[in-house]
């Protein structure tokens, strides 16, 4: 069985990695799909993030995980990749409501179901949270895999947003 875990992963966090670690126990193969979301401003180069995720996956020895970039609808790419099920992480009840609506549409459109994994103790963690810390020069190492932290440090001037809204944290 093949699971497709899609997201913008901007950046890929330890919460995302936790979902992958849980999912590999349930699926023969996991495809992490880094999608281009026209509703979001891309903060981090997708190709560089793909490489950082691949290095992370390789380092922890997950041999049944592949990382791809894609455009278009997630459900279309999942079908193209031969996925049987979509994988989603849930942090809280608000995530569930949002994801359940999308899951219902995906099932009606393409006949593909969704499997949810709980974020558990990392439920507070989001890519936006990490970037808020990063943009205010706070340490992020405990929130992202080390390869992602290295990527962000290497490209500080490129990924730093001076127009970051202040006071979210």
N, C-alpha and C. Protein backbone atom coordinates (compact mmCIF):
# COMPACT_ATOMS: atom_id res chain seq x y z
N UNK A 1 0.84 -1.18 0.00
CA UNK A 1 0.00 0.00 0.00
C UNK A 1 0.89 1.25 0.00
N UNK A 2 0.52 2.24 -0.80
CA UNK A 2 1.30 3.47 -0.96
C UNK A 2 0.52 4.64 -0.38
N UNK A 3 1.19 5.39 0.49
CA UNK A 3 0.61 6.59 1.08
C UNK A 3 1.26 7.84 0.50
N UNK A 4 0.46 8.87 0.27
CA UNK A 4 0.94 10.14 -0.30
C UNK A 4 0.76 11.23 0.76
N UNK A 5 1.87 11.79 1.23
CA UNK A 5 1.86 12.83 2.25
C UNK A 5 2.23 14.15 1.60
N UNK A 6 1.25 15.00 1.41
CA UNK A 6 1.44 16.25 0.67
C UNK A 6 1.45 17.45 1.60
N UNK A 7 2.19 18.47 1.19
CA UNK A 7 2.21 19.72 1.92
C UNK A 7 3.12 20.71 1.22
N UNK A 8 3.10 21.94 1.71
CA UNK A 8 4.05 22.93 1.18
C UNK A 8 5.39 22.76 1.88
N UNK A 9 5.37 22.23 3.10
CA UNK A 9 6.60 21.96 3.87
C UNK A 9 7.56 23.14 3.79
N UNK A 10 7.06 24.29 4.23
CA UNK A 10 7.76 25.56 4.05
C UNK A 10 8.02 26.23 5.41
N UNK A 11 8.84 25.62 6.29
CA UNK A 11 9.71 24.48 6.08
C UNK A 11 9.12 23.16 6.62
N UNK A 12 9.80 22.08 6.33
CA UNK A 12 9.52 20.74 6.87
C UNK A 12 9.96 20.76 8.33
N UNK A 13 9.05 20.42 9.24
CA UNK A 13 9.33 20.49 10.68
C UNK A 13 9.48 19.10 11.28
N UNK A 14 9.84 19.07 12.55
CA UNK A 14 9.89 17.80 13.27
C UNK A 14 8.49 17.20 13.42
N UNK A 15 7.46 18.04 13.39
CA UNK A 15 6.09 17.55 13.40
C UNK A 15 5.79 16.77 12.13
N UNK A 16 6.22 17.30 10.98
CA UNK A 16 6.05 16.58 9.72
C UNK A 16 6.81 15.27 9.75
N UNK A 17 8.03 15.33 10.27
CA UNK A 17 8.85 14.12 10.34
C UNK A 17 8.20 13.08 11.25
N UNK A 18 7.59 13.51 12.33
CA UNK A 18 6.90 12.58 13.21
C UNK A 18 5.77 11.86 12.48
N UNK A 19 5.04 12.58 11.65
CA UNK A 19 3.96 11.97 10.87
C UNK A 19 4.53 10.92 9.91
N UNK A 20 5.65 11.24 9.26
CA UNK A 20 6.30 10.28 8.36
C UNK A 20 6.73 9.04 9.13
N UNK A 21 7.33 9.22 10.29
CA UNK A 21 7.78 8.08 11.12
C UNK A 21 6.60 7.17 11.49
N UNK A 22 5.46 7.75 11.79
CA UNK A 22 4.28 6.96 12.12
C UNK A 22 3.75 6.25 10.87
N UNK A 23 3.70 6.96 9.76
CA UNK A 23 3.12 6.42 8.53
C UNK A 23 3.93 5.26 7.95
N UNK A 24 5.25 5.30 8.08
CA UNK A 24 6.06 4.21 7.49
C UNK A 24 5.76 2.88 8.15
N UNK A 25 5.20 2.88 9.34
CA UNK A 25 4.83 1.65 10.02
C UNK A 25 3.56 1.04 9.42
N UNK A 26 2.81 1.85 8.68
CA UNK A 26 1.51 1.42 8.16
C UNK A 26 1.47 1.20 6.65
N UNK A 27 2.47 1.71 5.95
CA UNK A 27 2.46 1.65 4.49
C UNK A 27 3.73 1.01 3.96
N UNK A 28 3.62 0.37 2.80
CA UNK A 28 4.79 -0.21 2.15
C UNK A 28 5.71 0.88 1.62
N UNK A 29 5.10 1.97 1.16
CA UNK A 29 5.86 3.07 0.58
C UNK A 29 5.15 4.38 0.91
N UNK A 30 5.95 5.41 1.21
CA UNK A 30 5.43 6.76 1.45
C UNK A 30 6.04 7.68 0.41
N UNK A 31 5.21 8.50 -0.19
CA UNK A 31 5.68 9.55 -1.09
C UNK A 31 5.37 10.88 -0.43
N UNK A 32 6.41 11.65 -0.15
CA UNK A 32 6.23 13.00 0.37
C UNK A 32 6.17 13.91 -0.85
N UNK A 33 5.05 14.56 -1.03
CA UNK A 33 4.86 15.46 -2.16
C UNK A 33 4.91 16.91 -1.72
N UNK A 34 5.91 17.62 -2.20
CA UNK A 34 6.03 19.05 -1.90
C UNK A 34 5.29 19.79 -3.00
N UNK A 35 4.16 20.35 -2.64
CA UNK A 35 3.32 21.00 -3.63
C UNK A 35 3.53 22.50 -3.69
N UNK A 36 3.23 23.02 -4.85
CA UNK A 36 3.23 24.46 -5.05
C UNK A 36 1.83 24.95 -4.76
N UNK A 37 1.67 25.79 -3.75
CA UNK A 37 0.37 26.31 -3.35
C UNK A 37 0.27 27.77 -3.79
N UNK A 38 -0.59 28.03 -4.75
CA UNK A 38 -0.71 29.38 -5.30
C UNK A 38 -1.26 30.37 -4.27
N UNK A 39 -1.87 29.87 -3.19
CA UNK A 39 -2.41 30.75 -2.15
C UNK A 39 -1.36 31.17 -1.13
N UNK A 40 -0.19 30.54 -1.17
CA UNK A 40 0.86 30.85 -0.19
C UNK A 40 2.08 31.44 -0.88
N UNK A 41 2.74 32.35 -0.19
CA UNK A 41 4.00 32.89 -0.66
C UNK A 41 5.08 31.85 -0.35
N UNK A 42 5.83 31.47 -1.35
CA UNK A 42 6.90 30.49 -1.13
C UNK A 42 8.04 31.16 -0.37
N UNK A 43 8.33 30.65 0.80
CA UNK A 43 9.39 31.21 1.63
C UNK A 43 10.72 30.53 1.37
N UNK A 44 10.68 29.26 1.02
CA UNK A 44 11.90 28.47 0.88
C UNK A 44 11.87 27.76 -0.46
N UNK A 45 13.00 27.76 -1.15
CA UNK A 45 13.12 27.10 -2.44
C UNK A 45 12.72 25.63 -2.32
N UNK A 46 11.76 25.20 -3.12
CA UNK A 46 11.21 23.84 -3.03
C UNK A 46 12.26 22.77 -3.33
N UNK A 47 13.11 23.00 -4.30
CA UNK A 47 14.13 22.00 -4.65
C UNK A 47 15.12 21.83 -3.50
N UNK A 48 15.52 22.91 -2.88
CA UNK A 48 16.44 22.81 -1.74
C UNK A 48 15.76 22.12 -0.56
N UNK A 49 14.47 22.39 -0.36
CA UNK A 49 13.75 21.72 0.72
C UNK A 49 13.63 20.23 0.42
N UNK A 50 13.39 19.87 -0.83
CA UNK A 50 13.32 18.46 -1.23
C UNK A 50 14.61 17.75 -0.84
N UNK A 51 15.74 18.36 -1.18
CA UNK A 51 17.04 17.76 -0.85
C UNK A 51 17.24 17.63 0.65
N UNK A 52 16.86 18.63 1.41
CA UNK A 52 17.01 18.58 2.87
C UNK A 52 16.15 17.47 3.47
N UNK A 53 14.93 17.29 2.95
CA UNK A 53 14.06 16.22 3.43
C UNK A 53 14.65 14.86 3.06
N UNK A 54 15.14 14.73 1.83
CA UNK A 54 15.76 13.46 1.40
C UNK A 54 16.95 13.10 2.29
N UNK A 55 17.77 14.09 2.62
CA UNK A 55 18.92 13.84 3.50
C UNK A 55 18.46 13.40 4.88
N UNK A 56 17.40 14.02 5.38
CA UNK A 56 16.84 13.65 6.68
C UNK A 56 16.35 12.21 6.66
N UNK A 57 15.59 11.88 5.65
CA UNK A 57 15.01 10.54 5.52
C UNK A 57 16.11 9.49 5.40
N UNK A 58 17.12 9.80 4.61
CA UNK A 58 18.25 8.87 4.43
C UNK A 58 19.00 8.68 5.75
N UNK A 59 19.25 9.76 6.46
CA UNK A 59 20.00 9.69 7.72
C UNK A 59 19.31 8.82 8.76
N UNK A 60 17.99 8.87 8.81
CA UNK A 60 17.29 8.07 9.81
C UNK A 60 16.92 6.67 9.29
N UNK A 61 17.30 6.38 8.05
CA UNK A 61 17.17 5.02 7.52
C UNK A 61 15.79 4.62 7.07
N UNK A 62 15.00 5.56 6.58
CA UNK A 62 13.67 5.21 6.06
C UNK A 62 13.79 4.95 4.56
N UNK A 63 13.96 3.69 4.22
CA UNK A 63 14.21 3.30 2.83
C UNK A 63 12.96 3.28 1.96
N UNK A 64 11.80 3.31 2.55
CA UNK A 64 10.57 3.23 1.77
C UNK A 64 9.90 4.60 1.60
N UNK A 65 10.69 5.67 1.63
CA UNK A 65 10.16 7.03 1.48
C UNK A 65 10.83 7.72 0.30
N UNK A 66 10.00 8.35 -0.53
CA UNK A 66 10.47 9.09 -1.71
C UNK A 66 9.92 10.51 -1.59
N UNK A 67 10.72 11.50 -2.03
CA UNK A 67 10.29 12.90 -1.96
C UNK A 67 10.21 13.46 -3.38
N UNK A 68 9.08 14.08 -3.70
CA UNK A 68 8.88 14.64 -5.04
C UNK A 68 8.35 16.08 -4.94
N UNK A 69 8.49 16.81 -6.03
CA UNK A 69 7.86 18.11 -6.19
C UNK A 69 6.70 17.93 -7.17
N UNK A 70 5.63 18.69 -6.98
CA UNK A 70 4.52 18.59 -7.93
C UNK A 70 3.72 19.88 -7.98
N UNK A 71 2.98 20.03 -9.06
CA UNK A 71 2.05 21.15 -9.23
C UNK A 71 0.67 20.57 -9.50
N UNK A 72 -0.34 21.34 -9.20
CA UNK A 72 -1.70 20.87 -9.47
C UNK A 72 -2.35 20.32 -8.22
N UNK A 73 -3.45 19.62 -8.44
CA UNK A 73 -4.21 19.06 -7.33
C UNK A 73 -3.48 17.88 -6.70
N UNK A 74 -3.47 17.86 -5.39
CA UNK A 74 -2.82 16.78 -4.65
C UNK A 74 -3.40 15.42 -5.05
N UNK A 75 -4.70 15.34 -5.13
CA UNK A 75 -5.35 14.06 -5.44
C UNK A 75 -4.94 13.55 -6.82
N UNK A 76 -4.76 14.46 -7.77
CA UNK A 76 -4.31 14.05 -9.11
C UNK A 76 -2.90 13.50 -9.07
N UNK A 77 -2.02 14.18 -8.33
CA UNK A 77 -0.64 13.71 -8.22
C UNK A 77 -0.56 12.39 -7.46
N UNK A 78 -1.37 12.25 -6.44
CA UNK A 78 -1.39 11.00 -5.68
C UNK A 78 -1.76 9.83 -6.59
N UNK A 79 -2.78 10.02 -7.39
CA UNK A 79 -3.19 8.98 -8.35
C UNK A 79 -2.08 8.68 -9.35
N UNK A 80 -1.46 9.75 -9.87
CA UNK A 80 -0.36 9.59 -10.83
C UNK A 80 0.78 8.78 -10.23
N UNK A 81 1.04 8.97 -8.93
CA UNK A 81 2.13 8.29 -8.25
C UNK A 81 1.74 6.88 -7.78
N UNK A 82 0.49 6.49 -8.01
CA UNK A 82 0.03 5.16 -7.62
C UNK A 82 -0.32 5.03 -6.15
N UNK A 83 -0.63 6.15 -5.50
CA UNK A 83 -0.97 6.13 -4.08
C UNK A 83 -2.37 5.56 -3.86
N UNK A 84 -2.50 4.83 -2.77
CA UNK A 84 -3.79 4.26 -2.38
C UNK A 84 -4.53 5.16 -1.41
N UNK A 85 -3.76 5.96 -0.67
CA UNK A 85 -4.35 6.75 0.40
C UNK A 85 -3.56 8.04 0.61
N UNK A 86 -4.23 9.09 1.01
CA UNK A 86 -3.58 10.35 1.36
C UNK A 86 -3.27 10.32 2.85
N UNK A 87 -2.14 10.88 3.22
CA UNK A 87 -1.71 10.95 4.62
C UNK A 87 -1.78 12.40 5.06
N UNK A 88 -2.38 12.62 6.22
CA UNK A 88 -2.46 13.97 6.78
C UNK A 88 -2.16 13.91 8.27
N UNK A 89 -1.56 14.98 8.77
CA UNK A 89 -1.30 15.11 10.20
C UNK A 89 -2.33 16.04 10.82
N UNK A 90 -2.73 15.73 12.03
CA UNK A 90 -3.70 16.55 12.76
C UNK A 90 -3.08 17.07 14.05
N UNK A 91 -3.11 18.38 14.23
CA UNK A 91 -2.62 18.98 15.46
C UNK A 91 -3.72 19.16 16.49
N UNK A 92 -4.94 19.45 15.99
CA UNK A 92 -6.04 19.77 16.90
C UNK A 92 -7.38 19.61 16.17
N UNK A 93 -8.46 19.93 16.87
CA UNK A 93 -9.79 19.81 16.29
C UNK A 93 -10.02 20.72 15.11
N UNK A 94 -9.42 21.88 15.11
CA UNK A 94 -9.56 22.80 13.98
C UNK A 94 -8.95 22.19 12.73
N UNK A 95 -7.77 21.56 12.88
CA UNK A 95 -7.16 20.85 11.75
C UNK A 95 -8.09 19.77 11.23
N UNK A 96 -8.72 19.03 12.16
CA UNK A 96 -9.61 17.94 11.75
C UNK A 96 -10.75 18.46 10.89
N UNK A 97 -11.40 19.52 11.33
CA UNK A 97 -12.53 20.08 10.56
C UNK A 97 -12.09 20.48 9.16
N UNK A 98 -10.96 21.17 9.08
CA UNK A 98 -10.42 21.62 7.79
C UNK A 98 -10.09 20.42 6.90
N UNK A 99 -9.34 19.47 7.45
CA UNK A 99 -8.89 18.31 6.67
C UNK A 99 -10.06 17.41 6.26
N UNK A 100 -11.04 17.28 7.13
CA UNK A 100 -12.17 16.41 6.82
C UNK A 100 -12.96 16.91 5.62
N UNK A 101 -13.11 18.22 5.50
CA UNK A 101 -13.79 18.78 4.33
C UNK A 101 -13.03 18.47 3.04
N UNK A 102 -11.73 18.64 3.08
CA UNK A 102 -10.90 18.35 1.90
C UNK A 102 -10.94 16.85 1.59
N UNK A 103 -10.86 16.03 2.63
CA UNK A 103 -10.88 14.58 2.44
C UNK A 103 -12.16 14.11 1.78
N UNK A 104 -13.27 14.69 2.20
CA UNK A 104 -14.55 14.32 1.61
C UNK A 104 -14.58 14.66 0.11
N UNK A 105 -14.06 15.83 -0.23
CA UNK A 105 -14.00 16.22 -1.66
C UNK A 105 -13.09 15.28 -2.45
N UNK A 106 -11.93 14.95 -1.88
CA UNK A 106 -11.00 14.05 -2.56
C UNK A 106 -11.62 12.68 -2.80
N UNK A 107 -12.36 12.21 -1.82
CA UNK A 107 -12.99 10.90 -1.97
C UNK A 107 -14.07 10.94 -3.05
N UNK A 108 -14.84 12.01 -3.08
CA UNK A 108 -15.90 12.14 -4.10
C UNK A 108 -15.31 12.33 -5.49
N UNK A 109 -14.25 13.13 -5.59
CA UNK A 109 -13.63 13.43 -6.89
C UNK A 109 -12.84 12.26 -7.46
N UNK A 110 -12.06 11.62 -6.61
CA UNK A 110 -11.09 10.65 -7.13
C UNK A 110 -11.15 9.29 -6.45
N UNK A 111 -12.04 9.12 -5.49
CA UNK A 111 -12.16 7.83 -4.84
C UNK A 111 -10.96 7.46 -3.98
N UNK A 112 -10.24 8.47 -3.50
CA UNK A 112 -9.07 8.20 -2.66
C UNK A 112 -9.37 8.68 -1.24
N UNK A 113 -9.12 7.82 -0.28
CA UNK A 113 -9.41 8.11 1.12
C UNK A 113 -8.21 8.76 1.79
N UNK A 114 -8.41 9.21 3.02
CA UNK A 114 -7.36 9.89 3.79
C UNK A 114 -7.17 9.18 5.12
N UNK A 115 -5.91 9.04 5.51
CA UNK A 115 -5.55 8.47 6.80
C UNK A 115 -4.93 9.59 7.63
N UNK A 116 -5.46 9.81 8.83
CA UNK A 116 -4.96 10.86 9.70
C UNK A 116 -4.02 10.28 10.76
N UNK A 117 -2.96 11.05 11.04
CA UNK A 117 -2.07 10.72 12.14
C UNK A 117 -2.03 11.91 13.08
N UNK A 118 -2.14 11.64 14.36
CA UNK A 118 -2.12 12.70 15.37
C UNK A 118 -0.71 13.24 15.57
N UNK A 119 -0.61 14.53 15.76
CA UNK A 119 0.69 15.16 16.02
C UNK A 119 1.16 14.90 17.45
N UNK A 120 0.23 14.64 18.35
CA UNK A 120 0.59 14.34 19.74
C UNK A 120 1.31 15.51 20.39
N UNK A 121 2.46 15.23 21.02
CA UNK A 121 3.18 16.26 21.78
C UNK A 121 3.73 17.38 20.91
N UNK A 122 3.74 17.20 19.59
CA UNK A 122 4.21 18.27 18.70
C UNK A 122 3.05 19.03 18.07
N UNK A 123 1.88 18.92 18.67
CA UNK A 123 0.68 19.57 18.13
C UNK A 123 0.76 21.08 18.08
N UNK A 124 1.62 21.67 18.85
CA UNK A 124 1.79 23.12 18.85
C UNK A 124 2.63 23.62 17.67
N UNK A 125 3.35 22.71 17.02
CA UNK A 125 4.36 23.08 16.04
C UNK A 125 3.77 23.28 14.65
N UNK A 126 4.16 24.38 14.00
CA UNK A 126 3.75 24.65 12.62
C UNK A 126 4.91 25.30 11.88
N UNK A 127 4.86 25.24 10.57
CA UNK A 127 5.87 25.90 9.75
C UNK A 127 5.87 27.40 10.00
N UNK A 128 4.69 27.97 10.17
CA UNK A 128 4.59 29.41 10.43
C UNK A 128 5.26 29.77 11.75
N UNK A 129 5.06 28.94 12.77
CA UNK A 129 5.71 29.13 14.06
C UNK A 129 7.23 29.13 13.91
N UNK A 130 7.74 28.16 13.17
CA UNK A 130 9.19 28.06 12.96
C UNK A 130 9.71 29.29 12.24
N UNK A 131 9.02 29.73 11.21
CA UNK A 131 9.50 30.89 10.45
C UNK A 131 9.40 32.18 11.26
N UNK A 132 8.42 32.26 12.12
CA UNK A 132 8.31 33.42 13.00
C UNK A 132 9.55 33.50 13.91
N UNK A 133 9.91 32.38 14.50
CA UNK A 133 11.12 32.33 15.33
C UNK A 133 12.35 32.67 14.50
N UNK A 134 12.47 32.03 13.36
CA UNK A 134 13.61 32.21 12.46
C UNK A 134 13.77 33.68 12.07
N UNK A 135 12.67 34.32 11.70
CA UNK A 135 12.72 35.71 11.26
C UNK A 135 13.03 36.68 12.39
N UNK A 136 12.91 36.21 13.63
CA UNK A 136 13.28 37.03 14.78
C UNK A 136 14.56 36.53 15.44
N UNK A 137 15.35 35.82 14.65
CA UNK A 137 16.68 35.35 15.07
C UNK A 137 16.66 34.50 16.35
N UNK A 138 15.62 33.72 16.51
CA UNK A 138 15.52 32.79 17.63
C UNK A 138 15.95 31.40 17.16
N UNK A 139 16.45 30.57 18.06
CA UNK A 139 16.88 29.22 17.66
C UNK A 139 15.71 28.37 17.19
N UNK A 140 15.94 27.61 16.13
CA UNK A 140 14.90 26.74 15.58
C UNK A 140 15.32 25.28 15.56
N UNK A 141 16.52 24.98 16.00
CA UNK A 141 17.08 23.64 15.87
C UNK A 141 16.23 22.53 16.49
N UNK A 142 15.51 22.81 17.56
CA UNK A 142 14.71 21.74 18.17
C UNK A 142 13.35 21.56 17.49
N UNK A 143 13.06 22.39 16.48
CA UNK A 143 11.77 22.32 15.80
C UNK A 143 11.83 21.76 14.39
N UNK A 144 13.03 21.70 13.83
CA UNK A 144 13.20 21.20 12.45
C UNK A 144 14.35 20.20 12.42
N UNK A 145 14.33 19.26 11.44
CA UNK A 145 15.49 18.37 11.29
C UNK A 145 16.75 19.18 11.03
N UNK A 146 17.91 18.63 11.40
CA UNK A 146 19.15 19.41 11.29
C UNK A 146 19.46 19.82 9.86
N UNK A 147 19.07 19.02 8.87
CA UNK A 147 19.33 19.40 7.47
C UNK A 147 18.51 20.62 7.06
N UNK A 148 17.31 20.74 7.60
CA UNK A 148 16.47 21.91 7.33
C UNK A 148 17.04 23.14 8.03
N UNK A 149 17.50 22.97 9.26
CA UNK A 149 18.13 24.09 9.98
C UNK A 149 19.36 24.58 9.23
N UNK A 150 20.17 23.65 8.71
CA UNK A 150 21.35 24.02 7.93
C UNK A 150 20.95 24.80 6.68
N UNK A 151 19.92 24.33 6.00
CA UNK A 151 19.44 25.02 4.80
C UNK A 151 19.04 26.45 5.13
N UNK A 152 18.31 26.63 6.19
CA UNK A 152 17.87 27.97 6.57
C UNK A 152 19.06 28.85 6.96
N UNK A 153 20.00 28.30 7.70
CA UNK A 153 21.18 29.09 8.09
C UNK A 153 22.01 29.49 6.87
N UNK A 154 22.16 28.57 5.92
CA UNK A 154 22.95 28.86 4.70
C UNK A 154 22.33 29.98 3.88
N UNK A 155 21.04 30.13 3.97
CA UNK A 155 20.32 31.07 3.12
C UNK A 155 19.61 32.15 3.92
N UNK A 156 20.20 32.54 5.04
CA UNK A 156 19.55 33.50 5.94
C UNK A 156 19.05 34.75 5.21
N UNK A 157 19.87 35.36 4.41
CA UNK A 157 19.45 36.60 3.75
C UNK A 157 18.33 36.35 2.75
N UNK A 158 18.31 35.18 2.15
CA UNK A 158 17.28 34.89 1.15
C UNK A 158 15.93 34.61 1.80
N UNK A 159 15.93 33.88 2.92
CA UNK A 159 14.68 33.45 3.53
C UNK A 159 14.16 34.38 4.61
N UNK A 160 14.96 35.35 5.02
CA UNK A 160 14.52 36.28 6.04
C UNK A 160 13.53 37.26 5.44
N UNK A 161 12.38 37.39 6.05
CA UNK A 161 11.36 38.31 5.55
C UNK A 161 11.27 39.52 6.45
N UNK A 162 11.68 40.66 5.95
CA UNK A 162 11.63 41.89 6.73
C UNK A 162 10.20 42.34 6.96
N UNK A 163 9.28 41.87 6.13
CA UNK A 163 7.89 42.28 6.26
C UNK A 163 7.10 41.34 7.16
N UNK A 164 7.79 40.53 7.94
CA UNK A 164 7.13 39.62 8.86
C UNK A 164 6.25 40.40 9.83
N UNK A 165 5.03 39.92 10.03
CA UNK A 165 4.15 40.56 11.00
C UNK A 165 4.77 40.37 12.39
N UNK A 166 4.76 41.43 13.16
CA UNK A 166 5.39 41.37 14.48
C UNK A 166 4.35 41.01 15.54
N UNK A 167 4.83 40.33 16.57
CA UNK A 167 4.02 40.09 17.73
C UNK A 167 3.14 38.86 17.71
N UNK A 168 3.33 37.94 16.79
CA UNK A 168 2.51 36.74 16.79
C UNK A 168 2.84 35.83 17.97
N UNK A 169 4.09 35.81 18.39
CA UNK A 169 4.47 34.92 19.50
C UNK A 169 4.59 35.71 20.79
